[in-house]
Each structure stands twice: as structure tokens, then as C-alpha cells.
PDB file of N, CA and C in Angstrom:
ATOM      1  N   MET A   1     104.864  80.602  53.990  1.00  0.00           N
ATOM      2  CA  MET A   1     105.107  82.024  54.013  1.00  0.00           C
ATOM      3  C   MET A   1     103.892  82.766  54.553  1.00  0.00           C
ATOM      4  N   TRP A   2     102.702  82.272  54.270  1.00  0.00           N
ATOM      5  CA  TRP A   2     101.491  82.963  54.734  1.00  0.00           C
ATOM      6  C   TRP A   2     101.378  82.919  56.250  1.00  0.00           C
ATOM      7  N   LEU A   3     101.804  81.830  56.870  1.00  0.00           N
ATOM      8  CA  LEU A   3     101.808  81.789  58.328  1.00  0.00           C
ATOM      9  C   LEU A   3     102.793  82.818  58.885  1.00  0.00           C
ATOM     10  N   GLY A   4     103.910  82.997  58.214  1.00  0.00           N
ATOM     11  CA  GLY A   4     104.887  84.002  58.633  1.00  0.00           C
ATOM     12  C   GLY A   4     104.327  85.403  58.565  1.00  0.00           C
ATOM     13  N   ILE A   5     103.617  85.706  57.500  1.00  0.00           N
ATOM     14  CA  ILE A   5     102.982  87.029  57.378  1.00  0.00           C
ATOM     15  C   ILE A   5     101.921  87.201  58.458  1.00  0.00           C
ATOM     16  N   GLY A   6     101.111  86.180  58.666  1.00  0.00           N
ATOM     17  CA  GLY A   6     100.083  86.249  59.709  1.00  0.00           C
ATOM     18  C   GLY A   6     100.689  86.366  61.096  1.00  0.00           C
ATOM     19  N   SER A   7     101.856  85.741  61.291  1.00  0.00           N
ATOM     20  CA  SER A   7     102.487  85.793  62.609  1.00  0.00           C
ATOM     21  C   SER A   7     102.955  87.196  62.953  1.00  0.00           C
ATOM     22  N   LEU A   8     103.292  87.995  61.940  1.00  0.00           N
ATOM     23  CA  LEU A   8     103.685  89.376  62.220  1.00  0.00           C
ATOM     24  C   LEU A   8     102.519  90.175  62.778  1.00  0.00           C
ATOM     25  N   LEU A   9     101.305  89.747  62.449  1.00  0.00           N
ATOM     26  CA  LEU A   9     100.108  90.422  62.954  1.00  0.00           C
ATOM     27  C   LEU A   9      99.591  89.807  64.253  1.00  0.00           C
ATOM     28  N   CYS A  10      99.709  88.498  64.394  1.00  0.00           N
ATOM     29  CA  CYS A  10      99.120  87.790  65.535  1.00  0.00           C
ATOM     30  C   CYS A  10     100.148  87.323  66.556  1.00  0.00           C
ATOM     31  N   GLY A  11     101.405  87.596  66.324  1.00  0.00           N
ATOM     32  CA  GLY A  11     102.439  87.264  67.288  1.00  0.00           C
ATOM     33  C   GLY A  11     102.737  85.784  67.395  1.00  0.00           C
ATOM     34  N   ILE A  12     102.969  85.357  68.615  1.00  0.00           N
ATOM     35  CA  ILE A  12     103.462  84.010  68.880  1.00  0.00           C
ATOM     36  C   ILE A  12     102.455  82.923  68.516  1.00  0.00           C
ATOM     37  N   PHE A  13     101.170  83.280  68.432  1.00  0.00           N
ATOM     38  CA  PHE A  13     100.154  82.276  68.118  1.00  0.00           C
ATOM     39  C   PHE A  13     100.347  81.678  66.726  1.00  0.00           C
ATOM     40  N   LEU A  14     100.863  82.450  65.805  1.00  0.00           N
ATOM     41  CA  LEU A  14     101.170  81.931  64.473  1.00  0.00           C
ATOM     42  C   LEU A  14     102.672  81.833  64.222  1.00  0.00           C
ATOM     43  N   GLY A  15     103.471  82.401  65.089  1.00  0.00           N
ATOM     44  CA  GLY A  15     104.917  82.368  64.911  1.00  0.00           C
ATOM     45  C   GLY A  15     105.500  80.976  65.031  1.00  0.00           C
ATOM     46  N   ILE A  16     105.064  80.245  66.042  1.00  0.00           N
ATOM     47  CA  ILE A  16     105.565  78.883  66.239  1.00  0.00           C
ATOM     48  C   ILE A  16     105.153  77.976  65.078  1.00  0.00           C
ATOM     49  N   PRO A  17     103.867  77.963  64.686  1.00  0.00           N
ATOM     50  CA  PRO A  17     103.511  77.138  63.523  1.00  0.00           C
ATOM     51  C   PRO A  17     104.223  77.573  62.241  1.00  0.00           C
ATOM     52  N   ALA A  18     104.499  78.861  62.077  1.00  0.00           N
ATOM     53  CA  ALA A  18     105.196  79.334  60.880  1.00  0.00           C
ATOM     54  C   ALA A  18     106.596  78.741  60.799  1.00  0.00           C
ATOM     55  N   VAL A  19     107.282  78.676  61.927  1.00  0.00           N
ATOM     56  CA  VAL A  19     108.629  78.109  61.943  1.00  0.00           C
ATOM     57  C   VAL A  19     108.581  76.604  61.665  1.00  0.00           C
ATOM     58  N   ILE A  20     107.645  75.914  62.300  1.00  0.00           N
ATOM     59  CA  ILE A  20     107.539  74.459  62.116  1.00  0.00           C
ATOM     60  C   ILE A  20     107.176  74.111  60.675  1.00  0.00           C
ATOM     61  N   VAL A  21     106.139  74.740  60.158  1.00  0.00           N
ATOM     62  CA  VAL A  21     105.704  74.456  58.786  1.00  0.00           C
ATOM     63  C   VAL A  21     106.780  74.904  57.790  1.00  0.00           C
ATOM     64  N   GLY A  22     107.431  76.022  58.056  1.00  0.00           N
ATOM     65  CA  GLY A  22     108.491  76.502  57.175  1.00  0.00           C
ATOM     66  C   GLY A  22     109.663  75.537  57.101  1.00  0.00           C
ATOM     67  N   ASN A  23     110.050  74.979  58.252  1.00  0.00           N
ATOM     68  CA  ASN A  23     111.140  73.998  58.257  1.00  0.00           C
ATOM     69  C   ASN A  23     110.765  72.746  57.482  1.00  0.00           C
ATOM     70  N   ASN A  24     109.542  72.269  57.677  1.00  0.00           N
ATOM     71  CA  ASN A  24     109.092  71.081  56.939  1.00  0.00           C
ATOM     72  C   ASN A  24     109.057  71.352  55.438  1.00  0.00           C
ATOM     73  N   ALA A  25     108.545  72.512  55.049  1.00  0.00           N
ATOM     74  CA  ALA A  25     108.475  72.866  53.632  1.00  0.00           C
ATOM     75  C   ALA A  25     109.869  73.015  53.039  1.00  0.00           C
ATOM     76  N   LYS A  26     110.780  73.605  53.795  1.00  0.00           N
ATOM     77  CA  LYS A  26     112.139  73.800  53.298  1.00  0.00           C
ATOM     78  C   LYS A  26     112.822  72.461  53.040  1.00  0.00           C
ATOM     79  N   LYS A  27     112.631  71.506  53.942  1.00  0.00           N
ATOM     80  CA  LYS A  27     113.215  70.177  53.750  1.00  0.00           C
ATOM     81  C   LYS A  27     112.661  69.506  52.497  1.00  0.00           C
ATOM     82  N   LYS A  28     111.349  69.613  52.294  1.00  0.00           N
ATOM     83  CA  LYS A  28     110.736  68.986  51.120  1.00  0.00           C
ATOM     84  C   LYS A  28     111.207  69.655  49.834  1.00  0.00           C
ATOM     85  N   LEU A  29     111.305  70.986  49.854  1.00  0.00           N
ATOM     86  CA  LEU A  29     111.752  71.702  48.665  1.00  0.00           C
ATOM     87  C   LEU A  29     113.211  71.398  48.338  1.00  0.00           C
ATOM     88  N   GLU A  30     114.056  71.311  49.371  1.00  0.00           N
ATOM     89  CA  GLU A  30     115.460  70.973  49.137  1.00  0.00           C
ATOM     90  C   GLU A  30     115.586  69.573  48.557  1.00  0.00           C
ATOM     91  N   ALA A  31     114.787  68.628  49.052  1.00  0.00           N
ATOM     92  CA  ALA A  31     114.838  67.260  48.539  1.00  0.00           C
ATOM     93  C   ALA A  31     114.399  67.198  47.080  1.00  0.00           C
ATOM     94  N   ALA A  32     113.473  68.071  46.699  1.00  0.00           N
ATOM     95  CA  ALA A  32     112.985  68.099  45.325  1.00  0.00           C
ATOM     96  C   ALA A  32     113.856  68.962  44.422  1.00  0.00           C
ATOM     97  N   GLY A  33     114.833  69.654  44.988  1.00  0.00           N
ATOM     98  CA  GLY A  33     115.710  70.505  44.201  1.00  0.00           C
ATOM     99  C   GLY A  33     115.071  71.806  43.757  1.00  0.00           C
ATOM    100  N   GLN A  34     114.069  72.255  44.484  1.00  0.00           N
ATOM    101  CA  GLN A  34     113.374  73.494  44.140  1.00  0.00           C
ATOM    102  C   GLN A  34     113.862  74.631  45.037  1.00  0.00           C
ATOM    103  N   PRO A  35     113.619  75.890  44.633  1.00  0.00           N
ATOM    104  CA  PRO A  35     114.028  77.040  45.451  1.00  0.00           C
ATOM    105  C   PRO A  35     113.296  77.051  46.794  1.00  0.00           C
ATOM    106  N   THR A  36     113.992  77.485  47.826  1.00  0.00           N
ATOM    107  CA  THR A  36     113.437  77.462  49.184  1.00  0.00           C
ATOM    108  C   THR A  36     113.185  78.860  49.742  1.00  0.00           C
ATOM    109  N   GLY A  37     113.132  79.859  48.891  1.00  0.00           N
ATOM    110  CA  GLY A  37     113.010  81.247  49.347  1.00  0.00           C
ATOM    111  C   GLY A  37     111.754  81.531  50.154  1.00  0.00           C
ATOM    112  N   THR A  38     110.607  81.037  49.708  1.00  0.00           N
ATOM    113  CA  THR A  38     109.370  81.330  50.436  1.00  0.00           C
ATOM    114  C   THR A  38     109.335  80.629  51.785  1.00  0.00           C
ATOM    115  N   ALA A  39     109.877  79.417  51.850  1.00  0.00           N
ATOM    116  CA  ALA A  39     109.930  78.708  53.135  1.00  0.00           C
ATOM    117  C   ALA A  39     110.845  79.441  54.105  1.00  0.00           C
ATOM    118  N   THR A  40     111.975  79.905  53.603  1.00  0.00           N
ATOM    119  CA  THR A  40     112.909  80.655  54.446  1.00  0.00           C
ATOM    120  C   THR A  40     112.280  81.959  54.923  1.00  0.00           C
ATOM    121  N   ALA A  41     111.544  82.626  54.056  1.00  0.00           N
ATOM    122  CA  ALA A  41     110.869  83.867  54.441  1.00  0.00           C
ATOM    123  C   ALA A  41     109.856  83.606  55.551  1.00  0.00           C
ATOM    124  N   GLY A  42     109.126  82.519  55.456  1.00  0.00           N
ATOM    125  CA  GLY A  42     108.163  82.167  56.499  1.00  0.00           C
ATOM    126  C   GLY A  42     108.841  81.897  57.830  1.00  0.00           C
ATOM    127  N   ILE A  43     109.969  81.207  57.781  1.00  0.00           N
ATOM    128  CA  ILE A  43     110.720  80.917  59.010  1.00  0.00           C
ATOM    129  C   ILE A  43     111.214  82.209  59.642  1.00  0.00           C
ATOM    130  N   VAL A  44     111.779  83.085  58.833  1.00  0.00           N
ATOM    131  CA  VAL A  44     112.329  84.351  59.347  1.00  0.00           C
ATOM    132  C   VAL A  44     111.224  85.204  59.966  1.00  0.00           C
ATOM    133  N   MET A  45     110.089  85.311  59.283  1.00  0.00           N
ATOM    134  CA  MET A  45     108.994  86.113  59.835  1.00  0.00           C
ATOM    135  C   MET A  45     108.441  85.493  61.113  1.00  0.00           C
ATOM    136  N   GLY A  46     108.393  84.176  61.185  1.00  0.00           N
ATOM    137  CA  GLY A  46     107.945  83.512  62.404  1.00  0.00           C
ATOM    138  C   GLY A  46     108.865  83.789  63.573  1.00  0.00           C
ATOM    139  N   VAL A  47     110.171  83.749  63.320  1.00  0.00           N
ATOM    140  CA  VAL A  47     111.149  84.032  64.384  1.00  0.00           C
ATOM    141  C   VAL A  47     111.049  85.488  64.819  1.00  0.00           C
ATOM    142  N   ILE A  48     110.913  86.394  63.859  1.00  0.00           N
ATOM    143  CA  ILE A  48     110.781  87.817  64.201  1.00  0.00           C
ATOM    144  C   ILE A  48     109.547  88.048  65.068  1.00  0.00           C
ATOM    145  N   SER A  49     108.435  87.417  64.735  1.00  0.00           N
ATOM    146  CA  SER A  49     107.216  87.616  65.521  1.00  0.00           C
ATOM    147  C   SER A  49     107.361  87.044  66.918  1.00  0.00           C
ATOM    148  N   MET A  50     108.089  85.922  67.059  1.00  0.00           N
ATOM    149  CA  MET A  50     108.287  85.368  68.396  1.00  0.00           C
ATOM    150  C   MET A  50     109.170  86.278  69.243  1.00  0.00           C
ATOM    151  N   VAL A  51     110.183  86.874  68.631  1.00  0.00           N
ATOM    152  CA  VAL A  51     111.050  87.803  69.368  1.00  0.00           C
ATOM    153  C   VAL A  51     110.254  89.033  69.781  1.00  0.00           C
ATOM    154  N   TRP A  52     109.452  89.582  68.849  1.00  0.00           N
ATOM    155  CA  TRP A  52     108.609  90.738  69.189  1.00  0.00           C
ATOM    156  C   TRP A  52     107.647  90.397  70.322  1.00  0.00           C
ATOM    157  N   SER A  53     107.055  89.225  70.255  1.00  0.00           N
ATOM    158  CA  SER A  53     106.112  88.811  71.297  1.00  0.00           C
ATOM    159  C   SER A  53     106.809  88.699  72.643  1.00  0.00           C
ATOM    160  N   PHE A  54     108.021  88.146  72.637  1.00  0.00           N
ATOM    161  CA  PHE A  54     108.775  88.017  73.883  1.00  0.00           C
ATOM    162  C   PHE A  54     109.024  89.391  74.502  1.00  0.00           C
ATOM    163  N   PHE A  55     109.488  90.344  73.682  1.00  0.00           N
ATOM    164  CA  PHE A  55     109.757  91.676  74.204  1.00  0.00           C
ATOM    165  C   PHE A  55     108.483  92.383  74.646  1.00  0.00           C
ATOM    166  N   ALA A  56     107.380  92.147  73.960  1.00  0.00           N
ATOM    167  CA  ALA A  56     106.105  92.748  74.356  1.00  0.00           C
ATOM    168  C   ALA A  56     105.657  92.184  75.696  1.00  0.00           C
ATOM    169  N   ILE A  57     105.817  90.890  75.894  1.00  0.00           N
ATOM    170  CA  ILE A  57     105.438  90.283  77.175  1.00  0.00           C
ATOM    171  C   ILE A  57     106.310  90.808  78.300  1.00  0.00           C
ATOM    172  N   VAL A  58     107.616  90.920  78.043  1.00  0.00           N
ATOM    173  CA  VAL A  58     108.534  91.453  79.067  1.00  0.00           C
ATOM    174  C   VAL A  58     108.158  92.899  79.399  1.00  0.00           C
ATOM    175  N   ALA A  59     107.845  93.700  78.396  1.00  0.00           N
ATOM    176  CA  ALA A  59     107.472  95.096  78.634  1.00  0.00           C
ATOM    177  C   ALA A  59     106.178  95.187  79.432  1.00  0.00           C
ATOM    178  N   LEU A  60     105.215  94.346  79.115  1.00  0.00           N
ATOM    179  CA  LEU A  60     103.960  94.357  79.859  1.00  0.00           C
ATOM    180  C   LEU A  60     104.157  93.907  81.294  1.00  0.00           C
ATOM    181  N   MET A  61     104.990  92.893  81.482  1.00  0.00           N
ATOM    182  CA  MET A  61     105.225  92.392  82.844  1.00  0.00           C
ATOM    183  C   MET A  61     106.015  93.389  83.691  1.00  0.00           C
ATOM    184  N   SER A  62     106.886  94.161  83.070  1.00  0.00           N
ATOM    185  CA  SER A  62     107.665  95.134  83.836  1.00  0.00           C
ATOM    186  C   SER A  62     106.828  96.329  84.277  1.00  0.00           C
ATOM    187  N   ASN A  63     105.690  96.544  83.595  1.00  0.00           N
ATOM    188  CA  ASN A  63     104.817  97.652  83.975  1.00  0.00           C
ATOM    189  C   ASN A  63     103.868  97.282  85.107  1.00  0.00           C
ATOM    190  N   LEU A  64     103.822  96.004  85.451  1.00  0.00           N
ATOM    191  CA  LEU A  64     102.899  95.601  86.527  1.00  0.00           C
ATOM    192  C   LEU A  64     103.468  95.818  87.875  1.00  0.00           C
TER     193      LEU A  64
END
């Protein structure tokens, strides 16, 4: 989840690791029968930051 929060500030640089680590954590938590809310939150925030980064890059490139 912390990578997801950081990815909202740093964009794609932490967004990709947030999704990867979140998926791995979610699988481990599901196997252990524990709640997966924080892992899911990290994944969602990572995806949101990647989408924001994509649109920011497109906006910057269109201004050139």
C-alpha cells in the first residue's frame, strides 16, 4: 500500500512496482486466508498513477 501512496506522488516510477508488489502480496494474503484490502488499495493506486502519468506524458507531448 505504501508504494501505491508513493506512486500517486511520483507517478509511473512507483506505479509499476506498486502493482507488482500488490499482486504478489494479494496472492500471499489470499493463500493465508487473510484480508486483502491493503494489497488491493496499493494495486488501485498504482494503476491510477500510471494512468495519470500516461495522460501527463500525452499532454506534454501534444504541447511540443
